[in-house]
């Protein structure tokens, strides 16, 4: 499963909106939307903030398989 799908699934599982995650992770709504739409990958600090907002772990959401779609870009 790719990163953006994992982010969306985890957010929906928690019953949160994109705006709520963005606020909790201290990123703009648009930035979070880029991550969830698969247009960008967050840097390490932002990834840590996002997984904190999702009450998850970096390992659960960010692994080599989840980043496969970025090869060749």
PDB file of N, CA and C in Angstrom:
ATOM      1  N   UNK A   1       0.849  -1.175   0.000  1.00  0.00           N
ATOM      2  CA  UNK A   1       0.000   0.000   0.000  1.00  0.00           C
ATOM      3  C   UNK A   1       0.895   1.238   0.000  1.00  0.00           C
ATOM      4  N   UNK A   2       0.519   2.223  -0.771  1.00  0.00           N
ATOM      5  CA  UNK A   2       1.363   3.411  -0.863  1.00  0.00           C
ATOM      6  C   UNK A   2       1.033   4.420   0.233  1.00  0.00           C
ATOM      7  N   UNK A   3       1.972   5.306   0.461  1.00  0.00           N
ATOM      8  CA  UNK A   3       1.900   6.249   1.572  1.00  0.00           C
ATOM      9  C   UNK A   3       0.594   7.025   1.607  1.00  0.00           C
ATOM     10  N   UNK A   4       0.203   7.621   0.498  1.00  0.00           N
ATOM     11  CA  UNK A   4      -0.986   8.472   0.541  1.00  0.00           C
ATOM     12  C   UNK A   4      -2.224   7.667   0.940  1.00  0.00           C
ATOM     13  N   UNK A   5      -2.317   6.429   0.497  1.00  0.00           N
ATOM     14  CA  UNK A   5      -3.445   5.579   0.873  1.00  0.00           C
ATOM     15  C   UNK A   5      -3.398   5.262   2.364  1.00  0.00           C
ATOM     16  N   UNK A   6      -2.203   4.999   2.871  1.00  0.00           N
ATOM     17  CA  UNK A   6      -2.057   4.721   4.301  1.00  0.00           C
ATOM     18  C   UNK A   6      -2.461   5.937   5.133  1.00  0.00           C
ATOM     19  N   UNK A   7      -2.036   7.119   4.710  1.00  0.00           N
ATOM     20  CA  UNK A   7      -2.396   8.332   5.443  1.00  0.00           C
ATOM     21  C   UNK A   7      -3.909   8.520   5.476  1.00  0.00           C
ATOM     22  N   UNK A   8      -4.538   8.391   4.326  1.00  0.00           N
ATOM     23  CA  UNK A   8      -5.990   8.583   4.249  1.00  0.00           C
ATOM     24  C   UNK A   8      -6.719   7.539   5.086  1.00  0.00           C
ATOM     25  N   UNK A   9      -6.337   6.281   4.949  1.00  0.00           N
ATOM     26  CA  UNK A   9      -7.004   5.215   5.701  1.00  0.00           C
ATOM     27  C   UNK A   9      -6.878   5.429   7.207  1.00  0.00           C
ATOM     28  N   UNK A  10      -5.687   5.780   7.660  1.00  0.00           N
ATOM     29  CA  UNK A  10      -5.455   5.987   9.089  1.00  0.00           C
ATOM     30  C   UNK A  10      -6.253   7.188   9.585  1.00  0.00           C
ATOM     31  N   UNK A  11      -6.280   8.255   8.805  1.00  0.00           N
ATOM     32  CA  UNK A  11      -7.042   9.452   9.190  1.00  0.00           C
ATOM     33  C   UNK A  11      -8.525   9.128   9.301  1.00  0.00           C
ATOM     34  N   UNK A  12      -9.061   8.427   8.299  1.00  0.00           N
ATOM     35  CA  UNK A  12     -10.478   8.068   8.316  1.00  0.00           C
ATOM     36  C   UNK A  12     -10.789   7.103   9.458  1.00  0.00           C
ATOM     37  N   UNK A  13      -9.871   6.196   9.736  1.00  0.00           N
ATOM     38  CA  UNK A  13     -10.024   5.259  10.849  1.00  0.00           C
ATOM     39  C   UNK A  13     -10.164   6.007  12.178  1.00  0.00           C
ATOM     40  N   UNK A  14      -9.457   7.123  12.282  1.00  0.00           N
ATOM     41  CA  UNK A  14      -9.504   7.941  13.498  1.00  0.00           C
ATOM     42  C   UNK A  14     -10.696   8.900  13.503  1.00  0.00           C
ATOM     43  N   UNK A  15     -11.406   8.997  12.369  1.00  0.00           N
ATOM     44  CA  UNK A  15     -12.558   9.883  12.281  1.00  0.00           C
ATOM     45  C   UNK A  15     -12.186  11.352  12.241  1.00  0.00           C
ATOM     46  N   UNK A  16     -11.007  11.654  11.667  1.00  0.00           N
ATOM     47  CA  UNK A  16     -10.515  13.027  11.612  1.00  0.00           C
ATOM     48  C   UNK A  16     -10.560  13.577  10.188  1.00  0.00           C
ATOM     49  N   UNK A  17     -10.643  14.889  10.085  1.00  0.00           N
ATOM     50  CA  UNK A  17     -10.589  15.543   8.779  1.00  0.00           C
ATOM     51  C   UNK A  17      -9.141  15.858   8.428  1.00  0.00           C
ATOM     52  N   UNK A  18      -8.914  16.183   7.169  1.00  0.00           N
ATOM     53  CA  UNK A  18      -7.581  16.604   6.756  1.00  0.00           C
ATOM     54  C   UNK A  18      -7.164  17.855   7.526  1.00  0.00           C
ATOM     55  N   UNK A  19      -8.099  18.763   7.724  1.00  0.00           N
ATOM     56  CA  UNK A  19      -7.796  20.007   8.441  1.00  0.00           C
ATOM     57  C   UNK A  19      -7.384  19.726   9.884  1.00  0.00           C
ATOM     58  N   UNK A  20      -8.032  18.758  10.530  1.00  0.00           N
ATOM     59  CA  UNK A  20      -7.676  18.424  11.913  1.00  0.00           C
ATOM     60  C   UNK A  20      -6.268  17.839  12.000  1.00  0.00           C
ATOM     61  N   UNK A  21      -5.936  16.954  11.068  1.00  0.00           N
ATOM     62  CA  UNK A  21      -4.584  16.380  11.064  1.00  0.00           C
ATOM     63  C   UNK A  21      -3.555  17.471  10.786  1.00  0.00           C
ATOM     64  N   UNK A  22      -3.826  18.306   9.796  1.00  0.00           N
ATOM     65  CA  UNK A  22      -2.897  19.388   9.462  1.00  0.00           C
ATOM     66  C   UNK A  22      -2.659  20.283  10.679  1.00  0.00           C
ATOM     67  N   UNK A  23      -3.722  20.647  11.369  1.00  0.00           N
ATOM     68  CA  UNK A  23      -3.595  21.500  12.560  1.00  0.00           C
ATOM     69  C   UNK A  23      -2.756  20.816  13.634  1.00  0.00           C
ATOM     70  N   UNK A  24      -3.076  19.557  13.924  1.00  0.00           N
ATOM     71  CA  UNK A  24      -2.350  18.835  14.966  1.00  0.00           C
ATOM     72  C   UNK A  24      -0.880  18.622  14.595  1.00  0.00           C
ATOM     73  N   UNK A  25      -0.611  18.447  13.296  1.00  0.00           N
ATOM     74  CA  UNK A  25       0.758  18.217  12.839  1.00  0.00           C
ATOM     75  C   UNK A  25       1.516  19.527  12.579  1.00  0.00           C
ATOM     76  N   UNK A  26       0.823  20.635  12.749  1.00  0.00           N
ATOM     77  CA  UNK A  26       1.432  21.957  12.559  1.00  0.00           C
ATOM     78  C   UNK A  26       1.936  22.171  11.132  1.00  0.00           C
ATOM     79  N   UNK A  27       1.139  21.701  10.158  1.00  0.00           N
ATOM     80  CA  UNK A  27       1.426  21.945   8.741  1.00  0.00           C
ATOM     81  C   UNK A  27       0.185  22.586   8.135  1.00  0.00           C
ATOM     82  N   UNK A  28       0.362  23.224   7.004  1.00  0.00           N
ATOM     83  CA  UNK A  28      -0.804  23.825   6.351  1.00  0.00           C
ATOM     84  C   UNK A  28      -1.718  22.718   5.824  1.00  0.00           C
ATOM     85  N   UNK A  29      -2.978  23.049   5.686  1.00  0.00           N
ATOM     86  CA  UNK A  29      -3.927  22.090   5.123  1.00  0.00           C
ATOM     87  C   UNK A  29      -3.476  21.669   3.738  1.00  0.00           C
ATOM     88  N   UNK A  30      -3.031  22.618   2.938  1.00  0.00           N
ATOM     89  CA  UNK A  30      -2.609  22.300   1.572  1.00  0.00           C
ATOM     90  C   UNK A  30      -1.420  21.342   1.577  1.00  0.00           C
ATOM     91  N   UNK A  31      -0.472  21.559   2.469  1.00  0.00           N
ATOM     92  CA  UNK A  31       0.678  20.657   2.549  1.00  0.00           C
ATOM     93  C   UNK A  31       0.210  19.241   2.870  1.00  0.00           C
ATOM     94  N   UNK A  32      -0.680  19.110   3.858  1.00  0.00           N
ATOM     95  CA  UNK A  32      -1.171  17.775   4.204  1.00  0.00           C
ATOM     96  C   UNK A  32      -1.909  17.161   3.017  1.00  0.00           C
ATOM     97  N   UNK A  33      -2.675  17.964   2.303  1.00  0.00           N
ATOM     98  CA  UNK A  33      -3.391  17.450   1.131  1.00  0.00           C
ATOM     99  C   UNK A  33      -2.411  16.931   0.075  1.00  0.00           C
ATOM    100  N   UNK A  34      -1.292  17.625  -0.108  1.00  0.00           N
ATOM    101  CA  UNK A  34      -0.267  17.136  -1.036  1.00  0.00           C
ATOM    102  C   UNK A  34       0.205  15.739  -0.632  1.00  0.00           C
ATOM    103  N   UNK A  35       0.431  15.535   0.659  1.00  0.00           N
ATOM    104  CA  UNK A  35       0.903  14.233   1.133  1.00  0.00           C
ATOM    105  C   UNK A  35      -0.164  13.160   0.933  1.00  0.00           C
ATOM    106  N   UNK A  36      -1.389  13.488   1.280  1.00  0.00           N
ATOM    107  CA  UNK A  36      -2.460  12.496   1.181  1.00  0.00           C
ATOM    108  C   UNK A  36      -2.857  12.229  -0.272  1.00  0.00           C
ATOM    109  N   UNK A  37      -2.628  13.180  -1.138  1.00  0.00           N
ATOM    110  CA  UNK A  37      -2.919  12.980  -2.564  1.00  0.00           C
ATOM    111  C   UNK A  37      -1.760  12.342  -3.319  1.00  0.00           C
ATOM    112  N   UNK A  38      -0.649  12.115  -2.618  1.00  0.00           N
ATOM    113  CA  UNK A  38       0.497  11.481  -3.247  1.00  0.00           C
ATOM    114  C   UNK A  38       1.323  12.390  -4.120  1.00  0.00           C
ATOM    115  N   UNK A  39       1.159  13.701  -3.952  1.00  0.00           N
ATOM    116  CA  UNK A  39       1.897  14.662  -4.759  1.00  0.00           C
ATOM    117  C   UNK A  39       3.268  14.995  -4.170  1.00  0.00           C
ATOM    118  N   UNK A  40       3.419  14.784  -2.870  1.00  0.00           N
ATOM    119  CA  UNK A  40       4.687  15.057  -2.179  1.00  0.00           C
ATOM    120  C   UNK A  40       4.858  14.070  -1.041  1.00  0.00           C
ATOM    121  N   UNK A  41       6.100  13.941  -0.592  1.00  0.00           N
ATOM    122  CA  UNK A  41       6.421  13.131   0.579  1.00  0.00           C
ATOM    123  C   UNK A  41       6.945  14.084   1.645  1.00  0.00           C
ATOM    124  N   UNK A  42       6.419  14.001   2.865  1.00  0.00           N
ATOM    125  CA  UNK A  42       6.882  14.914   3.912  1.00  0.00           C
ATOM    126  C   UNK A  42       8.320  14.639   4.332  1.00  0.00           C
ATOM    127  N   UNK A  43       8.988  15.693   4.793  1.00  0.00           N
ATOM    128  CA  UNK A  43      10.335  15.503   5.340  1.00  0.00           C
ATOM    129  C   UNK A  43      10.219  14.769   6.670  1.00  0.00           C
ATOM    130  N   UNK A  44      11.340  14.420   7.250  1.00  0.00           N
ATOM    131  CA  UNK A  44      11.355  13.582   8.451  1.00  0.00           C
ATOM    132  C   UNK A  44      10.604  14.238   9.614  1.00  0.00           C
ATOM    133  N   UNK A  45      10.872  15.492   9.889  1.00  0.00           N
ATOM    134  CA  UNK A  45      10.210  16.174  10.999  1.00  0.00           C
ATOM    135  C   UNK A  45       8.698  16.212  10.790  1.00  0.00           C
ATOM    136  N   UNK A  46       8.274  16.552   9.587  1.00  0.00           N
ATOM    137  CA  UNK A  46       6.849  16.606   9.290  1.00  0.00           C
ATOM    138  C   UNK A  46       6.216  15.225   9.409  1.00  0.00           C
ATOM    139  N   UNK A  47       6.918  14.201   8.946  1.00  0.00           N
ATOM    140  CA  UNK A  47       6.415  12.828   9.064  1.00  0.00           C
ATOM    141  C   UNK A  47       6.189  12.471  10.534  1.00  0.00           C
ATOM    142  N   UNK A  48       7.119  12.845  11.390  1.00  0.00           N
ATOM    143  CA  UNK A  48       6.984  12.565  12.821  1.00  0.00           C
ATOM    144  C   UNK A  48       5.773  13.290  13.400  1.00  0.00           C
ATOM    145  N   UNK A  49       5.563  14.524  12.999  1.00  0.00           N
ATOM    146  CA  UNK A  49       4.406  15.284  13.474  1.00  0.00           C
ATOM    147  C   UNK A  49       3.096  14.672  12.980  1.00  0.00           C
ATOM    148  N   UNK A  50       3.077  14.226  11.730  1.00  0.00           N
ATOM    149  CA  UNK A  50       1.866  13.611  11.172  1.00  0.00           C
ATOM    150  C   UNK A  50       1.536  12.305  11.885  1.00  0.00           C
ATOM    151  N   UNK A  51       2.530  11.453  12.078  1.00  0.00           N
ATOM    152  CA  UNK A  51       2.233  10.179  12.752  1.00  0.00           C
ATOM    153  C   UNK A  51       1.804  10.419  14.204  1.00  0.00           C
ATOM    154  N   UNK A  52       2.325  11.466  14.812  1.00  0.00           N
ATOM    155  CA  UNK A  52       1.865  11.814  16.157  1.00  0.00           C
ATOM    156  C   UNK A  52       0.394  12.206  16.147  1.00  0.00           C
ATOM    157  N   UNK A  53       0.004  13.008  15.162  1.00  0.00           N
ATOM    158  CA  UNK A  53      -1.395  13.429  15.034  1.00  0.00           C
ATOM    159  C   UNK A  53      -2.305  12.241  14.746  1.00  0.00           C
ATOM    160  N   UNK A  54      -1.767  11.245  14.046  1.00  0.00           N
ATOM    161  CA  UNK A  54      -2.549  10.052  13.711  1.00  0.00           C
ATOM    162  C   UNK A  54      -2.431   8.957  14.775  1.00  0.00           C
ATOM    163  N   UNK A  55      -1.668   9.251  15.830  1.00  0.00           N
ATOM    164  CA  UNK A  55      -1.426   8.257  16.882  1.00  0.00           C
ATOM    165  C   UNK A  55      -0.933   6.941  16.276  1.00  0.00           C
ATOM    166  N   UNK A  56       0.070   7.069  15.423  1.00  0.00           N
ATOM    167  CA  UNK A  56       0.632   5.935  14.704  1.00  0.00           C
ATOM    168  C   UNK A  56       2.146   5.939  14.886  1.00  0.00           C
ATOM    169  N   UNK A  57       2.842   5.202  14.027  1.00  0.00           N
ATOM    170  CA  UNK A  57       4.299   5.188  14.059  1.00  0.00           C
ATOM    171  C   UNK A  57       4.835   5.451  12.660  1.00  0.00           C
ATOM    172  N   UNK A  58       6.052   5.937  12.619  1.00  0.00           N
ATOM    173  CA  UNK A  58       6.714   6.160  11.332  1.00  0.00           C
ATOM    174  C   UNK A  58       6.824   4.833  10.583  1.00  0.00           C
ATOM    175  N   UNK A  59       7.165   3.785  11.306  1.00  0.00           N
ATOM    176  CA  UNK A  59       7.338   2.469  10.675  1.00  0.00           C
ATOM    177  C   UNK A  59       6.043   1.966  10.049  1.00  0.00           C
ATOM    178  N   UNK A  60       4.918   2.238  10.704  1.00  0.00           N
ATOM    179  CA  UNK A  60       3.634   1.772  10.184  1.00  0.00           C
ATOM    180  C   UNK A  60       3.256   2.463   8.875  1.00  0.00           C
ATOM    181  N   UNK A  61       3.520   3.759   8.781  1.00  0.00           N
ATOM    182  CA  UNK A  61       3.072   4.521   7.615  1.00  0.00           C
ATOM    183  C   UNK A  61       4.148   4.754   6.565  1.00  0.00           C
ATOM    184  N   UNK A  62       5.400   4.847   6.991  1.00  0.00           N
ATOM    185  CA  UNK A  62       6.476   5.190   6.074  1.00  0.00           C
ATOM    186  C   UNK A  62       7.479   4.046   5.983  1.00  0.00           C
ATOM    187  N   UNK A  63       7.327   3.230   4.972  1.00  0.00           N
ATOM    188  CA  UNK A  63       8.301   2.168   4.726  1.00  0.00           C
ATOM    189  C   UNK A  63       8.634   2.161   3.245  1.00  0.00           C
ATOM    190  N   UNK A  64       9.576   1.345   2.840  1.00  0.00           N
ATOM    191  CA  UNK A  64      10.016   1.322   1.441  1.00  0.00           C
ATOM    192  C   UNK A  64       8.859   1.032   0.493  1.00  0.00           C
ATOM    193  N   UNK A  65       7.976   0.132   0.857  1.00  0.00           N
ATOM    194  CA  UNK A  65       6.851  -0.212  -0.006  1.00  0.00           C
ATOM    195  C   UNK A  65       5.916   0.972  -0.190  1.00  0.00           C
ATOM    196  N   UNK A  66       5.689   1.738   0.875  1.00  0.00           N
ATOM    197  CA  UNK A  66       4.762   2.854   0.781  1.00  0.00           C
ATOM    198  C   UNK A  66       5.291   3.986  -0.090  1.00  0.00           C
ATOM    199  N   UNK A  67       6.600   4.009  -0.351  1.00  0.00           N
ATOM    200  CA  UNK A  67       7.196   5.079  -1.144  1.00  0.00           C
ATOM    201  C   UNK A  67       7.494   4.643  -2.584  1.00  0.00           C
ATOM    202  N   UNK A  68       7.093   3.465  -2.973  1.00  0.00           N
ATOM    203  CA  UNK A  68       7.372   2.926  -4.302  1.00  0.00           C
ATOM    204  C   UNK A  68       6.909   3.849  -5.429  1.00  0.00           C
ATOM    205  N   UNK A  69       5.777   4.508  -5.264  1.00  0.00           N
ATOM    206  CA  UNK A  69       5.234   5.318  -6.344  1.00  0.00           C
ATOM    207  C   UNK A  69       6.119   6.497  -6.695  1.00  0.00           C
ATOM    208  N   UNK A  70       7.086   6.845  -5.873  1.00  0.00           N
ATOM    209  CA  UNK A  70       7.961   7.984  -6.131  1.00  0.00           C
ATOM    210  C   UNK A  70       9.193   7.626  -6.970  1.00  0.00           C
ATOM    211  N   UNK A  71       9.416   6.366  -7.219  1.00  0.00           N
ATOM    212  CA  UNK A  71      10.563   5.990  -8.032  1.00  0.00           C
ATOM    213  C   UNK A  71      10.428   6.588  -9.421  1.00  0.00           C
ATOM    214  N   UNK A  72      11.496   7.143  -9.892  1.00  0.00           N
ATOM    215  CA  UNK A  72      11.516   7.677 -11.250  1.00  0.00           C
ATOM    216  C   UNK A  72      10.959   9.077 -11.375  1.00  0.00           C
ATOM    217  N   UNK A  73      10.516   9.683 -10.293  1.00  0.00           N
ATOM    218  CA  UNK A  73       9.995  11.056 -10.376  1.00  0.00           C
ATOM    219  C   UNK A  73      11.102  12.042 -10.121  1.00  0.00           C
TER     220      UNK A  73
END
